[in-house]
Amino acid sequence: YNMAGISLGATMHNVTNSLDEAVDTDATEISLGYSLNDNAGLSLSMVNDNNGTDTDTKYMWVTLNVGL
């Protein structure tokens, strides 16, 4: 979703290992971004990864995009 330079997104991934069907991975990604101007933007992303175990792994990162 985009509105006035702010973007919000969500993506869900489901990966199945064809060699070992007992291993399934589900990951959910949520991102929030802001367009600083026509050539630069800043975004924050978070992923919750259920890597086939009972424990979820969480990742979070900030990205700065600068164009020329």
Protein backbone atom coordinates (compact mmCIF):
# COMPACT_ATOMS: atom_id res chain seq x y z
CA TYR A 1 0.00 0.00 0.00
CA ASN A 2 1.40 3.46 -0.91
CA MET A 3 0.15 6.86 0.22
CA ALA A 4 1.97 10.22 0.25
CA GLY A 5 5.46 8.73 0.23
CA ILE A 6 4.71 6.05 2.84
CA SER A 7 4.53 2.39 1.85
CA LEU A 8 3.33 -0.61 3.83
CA GLY A 9 3.71 -4.19 2.67
CA ALA A 10 3.24 -7.76 3.85
CA THR A 11 4.38 -10.99 2.22
CA MET A 12 3.90 -14.61 3.27
CA HIS A 13 6.17 -17.42 2.05
CA ASN A 14 5.62 -21.19 2.32
CA VAL A 15 8.52 -23.42 1.26
CA THR A 16 8.39 -27.22 1.15
CA ASN A 17 11.48 -29.38 0.77
CA SER A 18 10.64 -31.91 -1.96
CA LEU A 19 13.31 -34.33 -0.69
CA ASP A 20 12.07 -34.32 2.89
CA GLU A 21 8.35 -33.50 2.95
CA ALA A 22 8.36 -33.35 6.74
CA VAL A 23 10.28 -30.05 6.59
CA ASP A 24 8.11 -27.02 5.83
CA THR A 25 9.18 -23.42 6.30
CA ASP A 26 6.79 -20.50 6.70
CA ALA A 27 8.02 -16.90 6.73
CA THR A 28 6.09 -13.66 7.07
CA GLU A 29 7.64 -10.33 6.03
CA ILE A 30 6.29 -6.90 7.00
CA SER A 31 7.83 -3.69 5.67
CA LEU A 32 7.31 0.02 6.25
CA GLY A 33 8.99 2.57 4.00
CA TYR A 34 9.21 6.30 3.45
CA SER A 35 10.23 8.04 0.24
CA LEU A 36 12.54 10.90 1.27
CA ASN A 37 12.51 12.40 -2.26
CA ASP A 38 12.60 11.20 -5.88
CA ASN A 39 16.04 9.62 -5.40
CA ALA A 40 16.12 8.35 -1.81
CA GLY A 41 14.04 6.18 0.49
CA LEU A 42 14.23 4.57 3.91
CA SER A 43 12.53 1.31 4.90
CA LEU A 44 12.25 -0.98 7.91
CA SER A 45 11.60 -4.70 7.37
CA MET A 46 10.84 -7.53 9.77
CA VAL A 47 10.68 -11.26 9.01
CA ASN A 48 9.29 -13.96 11.29
CA ASP A 49 10.71 -17.28 10.06
CA ASN A 50 9.25 -20.59 11.24
CA ASN A 51 12.10 -22.72 9.94
CA GLY A 52 10.46 -26.09 10.48
CA THR A 53 11.15 -26.11 14.21
CA ASP A 54 9.16 -25.11 17.25
CA THR A 55 11.25 -21.93 17.60
CA ASP A 56 10.62 -18.89 15.40
CA THR A 57 13.56 -16.82 14.18
CA LYS A 58 13.02 -13.08 13.83
CA TYR A 59 15.05 -10.74 11.60
CA MET A 60 14.82 -6.95 11.38
CA TRP A 61 16.78 -4.53 9.19
CA VAL A 62 16.80 -0.94 7.93
CA THR A 63 17.52 -0.13 4.28
CA LEU A 64 18.54 3.24 2.85
CA ASN A 65 18.22 3.54 -0.94
CA VAL A 66 20.01 6.37 -2.72
CA GLY A 67 19.74 6.75 -6.49
CA LEU A 68 21.87 8.81 -8.83
